[in-house]
Amino acid sequence: MKVAFFGTSAFGAEVLRSLVERGRLDVTTVVSQPDRPSGRGRAPTPPPVAEAARSLGLRLRQLEDASAAPPDADAGIVVAFGQLVREPLLHAYPLVNLHPSALPRWRGAAPIERAIMAGDSETAVAAIELSAELDAGPILGEERIEIGTADDAGAVRARALELGVPLLERALLDRPTPRPQSEEGVTYAHKITAEDRPLRWSRPAVELDRQVRALSPALGARAQLGDRTCLVWRARPLADGPPEGRIADGLVVGCGQGALQILELQPAGKGRMEAAAYLRGLREPPTRAA
């Protein structure tokens, strides 16, 4: 079976590497998005899947419209591709999509992040038949994933990778009977935007903790501590603390309910560091957060 792989993101790159390493499927072609400007210099940068394909020595196509020219294959795998799949690709051959959520909950672009932000205690990873409607195809296999109170998006994504790759293999090699998704409980995981990143101290500390974990380790939540802008990578909610927006010893920030202790952060222009190291480098600790 010749398999074409369609993907763009870092998660897609991890799935691609795992599939090739396991060797049960013959990935003959990789299709990804074109290079995009990135960084301060806005230099053209290849997507993670394209970089992975080159490092693995796989045939690579980078297309603005992959649906218009399906590569020669017996089947296709789609993982966080970022393009709407339509005809003629949609029905050129069997297409299996790997989606890290408990479908039909959290269809869309950011299912892991939205599940953590919402306080879900459990999610899943599913192999589904690709359909014209976003993430709505019949389920070919599913594995449940517990979300612990200290898990960030990276930890959940790692479990989705570990459980999801075997699901893809079984979906294509064993051809399980598809199970239609329920029409009840549909929610959409909209793409993470700049509006999702600032920590707003009027909110309860437990919600801000979930926001920090959802945005780690890739994006980071934003906070203004005194006159310094920082990314917050790790924190923990506390039942009590200073008044809202005030900062107490140990980088404990008062919230609308409870307080959030910042454990790891990254000041602008510097690397990630523990809160204690950050405070040692200041002449005076910050007293207010914005």
Protein backbone atom coordinates (compact mmCIF):
# COMPACT_ATOMS: atom_id res chain seq x y z
CA MET A 1 0.00 0.00 0.00
CA LYS A 2 1.45 3.33 -1.13
CA VAL A 3 0.42 6.08 1.30
CA ALA A 4 0.44 9.84 0.72
CA PHE A 5 0.84 11.93 3.89
CA PHE A 6 -0.77 15.38 4.11
CA GLY A 7 0.32 17.59 7.02
CA THR A 8 1.83 20.89 8.08
CA SER A 9 2.19 21.31 11.86
CA ALA A 10 4.73 20.09 14.39
CA PHE A 11 2.25 17.42 15.51
CA GLY A 12 1.93 16.28 11.91
CA ALA A 13 5.73 16.06 11.67
CA GLU A 14 5.86 13.88 14.78
CA VAL A 15 3.19 11.56 13.36
CA LEU A 16 5.09 11.32 10.06
CA ARG A 17 8.37 10.41 11.77
CA SER A 18 6.65 7.79 13.91
CA LEU A 19 4.92 6.19 10.90
CA VAL A 20 8.19 5.94 8.99
CA GLU A 21 10.06 4.59 12.02
CA ARG A 22 7.45 1.89 12.66
CA GLY A 23 7.53 0.86 8.99
CA ARG A 24 4.08 -0.73 8.73
CA LEU A 25 2.94 1.73 6.04
CA ASP A 26 4.92 2.78 2.96
CA VAL A 27 4.82 6.58 2.93
CA THR A 28 5.79 7.40 -0.66
CA THR A 29 4.82 11.09 -0.90
CA VAL A 30 4.47 13.92 1.59
CA VAL A 31 2.30 16.95 0.78
CA SER A 32 2.64 20.11 2.87
CA GLN A 33 2.04 23.85 2.67
CA PRO A 34 4.47 26.19 0.89
CA ASP A 35 7.17 28.00 2.89
CA ARG A 36 5.84 31.06 4.75
CA PRO A 37 7.57 34.21 6.06
CA SER A 38 8.51 33.78 9.71
CA GLY A 39 10.48 35.49 12.46
CA ARG A 40 11.67 39.07 12.71
CA GLY A 41 13.40 38.89 9.35
CA ARG A 42 10.31 37.39 7.70
CA ALA A 43 12.49 34.85 5.90
CA PRO A 44 10.65 32.04 4.05
CA THR A 45 10.44 29.11 6.47
CA PRO A 46 9.34 25.55 5.65
CA PRO A 47 6.56 24.01 7.76
CA PRO A 48 7.58 21.28 10.22
CA VAL A 49 6.18 18.49 8.04
CA ALA A 50 8.24 19.65 5.06
CA GLU A 51 11.38 19.70 7.20
CA ALA A 52 10.61 16.20 8.49
CA ALA A 53 10.03 14.87 4.98
CA ARG A 54 13.40 16.19 3.80
CA SER A 55 15.21 14.76 6.81
CA LEU A 56 13.59 11.37 6.15
CA GLY A 57 14.45 11.45 2.45
CA LEU A 58 10.80 11.34 1.35
CA ARG A 59 9.36 12.80 -1.85
CA LEU A 60 7.90 16.21 -0.94
CA ARG A 61 5.35 18.42 -2.65
CA GLN A 62 4.50 21.87 -1.24
CA LEU A 63 1.25 23.07 -2.76
CA GLU A 64 -1.13 25.98 -2.26
CA ASP A 65 -4.00 23.77 -3.46
CA ALA A 66 -3.24 20.11 -2.78
CA SER A 67 -6.78 19.03 -3.67
CA ALA A 68 -6.31 19.95 -7.31
CA ALA A 69 -3.51 17.44 -7.94
CA PRO A 70 -3.77 14.25 -5.84
CA PRO A 71 -0.44 12.40 -5.73
CA ASP A 72 -0.29 8.80 -6.89
CA ALA A 73 -1.16 6.60 -3.90
CA ASP A 74 -3.41 3.82 -2.66
CA ALA A 75 -4.51 5.77 0.43
CA GLY A 76 -3.86 9.02 2.25
CA ILE A 77 -3.29 10.18 5.82
CA VAL A 78 -4.24 13.72 6.85
CA VAL A 79 -2.87 15.23 10.07
CA ALA A 80 -3.24 18.95 10.90
CA PHE A 81 -2.89 19.85 7.23
CA GLY A 82 -4.45 23.31 7.33
CA GLN A 83 -6.09 23.11 3.89
CA LEU A 84 -9.70 22.29 3.07
CA VAL A 85 -9.67 18.94 1.29
CA ARG A 86 -12.09 18.89 -1.65
CA GLU A 87 -12.53 17.15 -4.97
CA PRO A 88 -10.81 15.53 -6.75
CA LEU A 89 -8.57 14.62 -3.78
CA LEU A 90 -11.49 13.99 -1.41
CA HIS A 91 -12.51 10.80 -3.19
CA ALA A 92 -9.30 9.94 -5.06
CA TYR A 93 -8.61 7.11 -2.56
CA PRO A 94 -9.35 6.34 1.11
CA LEU A 95 -8.31 9.28 3.31
CA VAL A 96 -7.88 8.84 7.07
CA ASN A 97 -7.60 11.84 9.37
CA LEU A 98 -6.01 11.71 12.85
CA HIS A 99 -7.75 14.14 15.20
CA PRO A 100 -6.82 14.58 18.90
CA SER A 101 -10.21 15.05 20.53
CA ALA A 102 -13.22 13.11 21.82
CA LEU A 103 -15.31 13.66 18.70
CA PRO A 104 -17.75 15.22 18.13
CA ARG A 105 -16.42 17.46 20.91
CA TRP A 106 -13.71 19.86 19.76
CA ARG A 107 -13.78 19.57 16.03
CA GLY A 108 -11.43 22.13 14.48
CA ALA A 109 -7.97 23.63 14.67
CA ALA A 110 -6.99 23.60 18.37
CA PRO A 111 -8.71 20.62 20.06
CA ILE A 112 -6.08 19.94 22.74
CA GLU A 113 -5.75 23.57 23.76
CA ARG A 114 -9.51 24.12 23.92
CA ALA A 115 -10.08 20.94 25.93
CA ILE A 116 -7.58 22.05 28.57
CA MET A 117 -8.94 25.61 28.67
CA ALA A 118 -12.45 24.28 29.17
CA GLY A 119 -11.36 22.13 32.10
CA ASP A 120 -12.12 18.79 30.43
CA SER A 121 -10.82 15.88 32.52
CA GLU A 122 -10.66 13.61 29.49
CA THR A 123 -10.16 13.83 25.74
CA ALA A 124 -9.29 11.31 23.04
CA VAL A 125 -7.50 10.73 19.78
CA ALA A 126 -9.47 9.38 16.83
CA ALA A 127 -8.82 8.05 13.34
CA ILE A 128 -11.71 9.10 11.12
CA GLU A 129 -12.70 8.92 7.49
CA LEU A 130 -12.16 12.32 5.93
CA SER A 131 -15.37 14.04 4.89
CA ALA A 132 -16.29 17.36 3.32
CA GLU A 133 -17.54 18.66 6.69
CA LEU A 134 -14.81 19.61 9.15
CA ASP A 135 -13.76 16.64 11.35
CA ALA A 136 -17.22 15.09 10.96
CA GLY A 137 -16.32 11.79 9.28
CA PRO A 138 -17.13 8.33 10.70
CA ILE A 139 -14.80 7.07 13.42
CA LEU A 140 -12.51 4.15 12.53
CA GLY A 141 -10.81 3.92 15.93
CA GLU A 142 -10.52 5.92 19.14
CA GLU A 143 -8.42 5.93 22.32
CA ARG A 144 -9.34 7.93 25.44
CA ILE A 145 -6.80 10.24 27.09
CA GLU A 146 -6.99 11.48 30.67
CA ILE A 147 -6.10 15.15 31.23
CA GLY A 148 -4.41 15.49 34.62
CA THR A 149 -4.55 18.67 36.67
CA ALA A 150 -0.87 19.38 35.89
CA ASP A 151 -0.88 18.33 32.22
CA ASP A 152 -0.03 20.91 29.60
CA ALA A 153 -0.77 20.70 25.87
CA GLY A 154 2.61 19.10 25.22
CA ALA A 155 1.88 16.19 27.59
CA VAL A 156 -1.55 15.53 26.07
CA ARG A 157 -0.14 15.81 22.54
CA ALA A 158 2.56 13.25 23.36
CA ARG A 159 -0.09 10.75 24.48
CA ALA A 160 -2.15 11.47 21.37
CA LEU A 161 0.90 10.69 19.24
CA GLU A 162 1.66 7.46 21.09
CA LEU A 163 -1.91 6.20 20.82
CA GLY A 164 -2.83 7.77 17.50
CA VAL A 165 -0.20 6.32 15.16
CA PRO A 166 -1.32 2.71 15.78
CA LEU A 167 -4.90 3.87 15.13
CA LEU A 168 -3.86 5.13 11.69
CA GLU A 169 -2.15 1.84 10.90
CA ARG A 170 -5.16 -0.23 11.94
CA ALA A 171 -7.55 2.05 10.03
CA LEU A 172 -5.70 1.44 6.76
CA LEU A 173 -4.48 -2.14 7.21
CA ASP A 174 -7.42 -3.73 9.08
CA ARG A 175 -10.25 -1.66 7.56
CA PRO A 176 -12.49 -1.53 10.69
CA THR A 177 -16.21 -0.82 10.33
CA PRO A 178 -16.80 2.97 10.51
CA ARG A 179 -18.93 4.32 13.36
CA PRO A 180 -20.89 7.52 12.62
CA GLN A 181 -20.27 10.42 14.97
CA SER A 182 -23.05 11.49 17.29
CA GLU A 183 -25.03 14.53 16.21
CA GLU A 184 -25.18 15.66 19.84
CA GLY A 185 -22.41 17.40 21.76
CA VAL A 186 -20.71 19.02 18.76
CA THR A 187 -18.29 21.80 19.73
CA TYR A 188 -15.62 23.61 17.72
CA ALA A 189 -12.03 24.23 18.74
CA HIS A 190 -11.33 27.55 17.09
CA LYS A 191 -7.76 28.49 16.20
CA ILE A 192 -5.70 30.06 18.99
CA THR A 193 -5.33 33.81 18.41
CA ALA A 194 -3.55 36.70 20.12
CA GLU A 195 -6.71 37.28 22.19
CA ASP A 196 -6.30 33.90 23.88
CA ARG A 197 -2.85 34.64 25.25
CA PRO A 198 -3.05 37.53 27.82
CA LEU A 199 -3.65 36.52 31.44
CA ARG A 200 -6.55 38.60 32.76
CA TRP A 201 -6.27 38.77 36.53
CA SER A 202 -9.98 39.40 37.09
CA ARG A 203 -10.60 35.75 36.16
CA PRO A 204 -10.40 32.87 38.67
CA ALA A 205 -6.93 31.42 39.24
CA VAL A 206 -8.03 27.92 38.18
CA GLU A 207 -9.02 29.27 34.75
CA LEU A 208 -5.71 31.09 34.34
CA ASP A 209 -3.84 27.92 35.28
CA ARG A 210 -5.71 26.04 32.54
CA GLN A 211 -4.87 28.84 30.09
CA VAL A 212 -1.16 28.59 30.92
CA ARG A 213 -1.16 24.81 30.51
CA ALA A 214 -3.11 24.98 27.25
CA LEU A 215 -0.55 27.37 25.72
CA SER A 216 2.54 25.48 26.90
CA PRO A 217 5.04 24.49 25.61
CA ALA A 218 4.51 26.09 22.19
CA LEU A 219 2.97 29.56 22.56
CA GLY A 220 3.01 30.78 26.15
CA ALA A 221 0.51 32.93 28.03
CA ARG A 222 1.33 36.65 28.22
CA ALA A 223 1.60 38.70 31.41
CA GLN A 224 2.74 42.19 32.35
CA LEU A 225 4.65 41.98 35.64
CA GLY A 226 5.51 45.49 36.75
CA ASP A 227 7.13 47.14 33.72
CA ARG A 228 8.21 43.85 32.11
CA THR A 229 6.32 41.73 29.59
CA CYS A 230 6.74 37.98 30.06
CA LEU A 231 5.55 34.67 28.73
CA VAL A 232 4.30 32.36 31.46
CA TRP A 233 5.06 28.66 30.90
CA ARG A 234 4.20 27.05 34.25
CA ALA A 235 2.03 28.15 37.16
CA ARG A 236 -0.22 26.77 39.85
CA PRO A 237 -3.50 28.03 41.32
CA LEU A 238 -3.75 28.87 45.01
CA ALA A 239 -6.88 29.22 47.10
CA ASP A 240 -5.76 32.51 48.67
CA GLY A 241 -3.39 35.33 47.90
CA PRO A 242 -3.04 39.09 47.51
CA PRO A 243 -5.77 41.35 46.08
CA GLU A 244 -6.51 41.16 42.37
CA GLY A 245 -3.56 42.31 40.26
CA ARG A 246 -1.17 42.60 43.25
CA ILE A 247 2.00 40.51 43.39
CA ALA A 248 3.16 38.92 46.63
CA ASP A 249 6.42 37.12 47.46
CA GLY A 250 7.23 34.17 45.20
CA LEU A 251 5.47 35.74 42.17
CA VAL A 252 2.02 35.05 43.56
CA VAL A 253 -0.51 37.18 41.66
CA GLY A 254 -3.96 37.91 43.04
CA CYS A 255 -6.87 36.91 40.81
CA GLY A 256 -10.62 37.42 40.75
CA GLN A 257 -10.81 34.21 42.78
CA GLY A 258 -7.71 32.84 44.48
CA ALA A 259 -4.19 33.53 43.24
CA LEU A 260 -1.78 32.23 40.61
CA GLN A 261 1.82 31.44 41.49
CA ILE A 262 4.09 31.77 38.46
CA LEU A 263 6.70 28.98 38.44
CA GLU A 264 8.43 29.38 35.08
CA LEU A 265 8.49 32.36 32.75
CA GLN A 266 10.36 34.04 29.93
CA PRO A 267 11.05 37.79 29.99
CA ALA A 268 11.09 39.55 26.63
CA GLY A 269 14.39 38.98 24.85
CA LYS A 270 15.56 36.26 27.25
CA GLY A 271 15.27 32.51 27.71
CA ARG A 272 12.92 30.50 29.87
CA MET A 273 13.75 30.47 33.58
CA GLU A 274 12.42 29.48 36.97
CA ALA A 275 10.62 32.21 38.90
CA ALA A 276 13.30 32.22 41.62
CA ALA A 277 16.04 32.91 39.05
CA TYR A 278 13.96 35.67 37.51
CA LEU A 279 13.47 37.39 40.86
CA ARG A 280 17.17 37.16 41.72
CA GLY A 281 17.98 39.14 38.59
CA LEU A 282 15.77 42.10 39.55
CA ARG A 283 16.73 45.07 41.69
CA GLU A 284 13.20 45.20 43.04
CA PRO A 285 10.47 42.57 42.65
CA PRO A 286 7.30 43.65 40.78
CA THR A 287 4.31 44.61 42.91
CA ARG A 288 1.53 44.86 40.30
CA ALA A 289 0.46 42.81 37.30
CA ALA A 290 -1.51 44.06 34.34
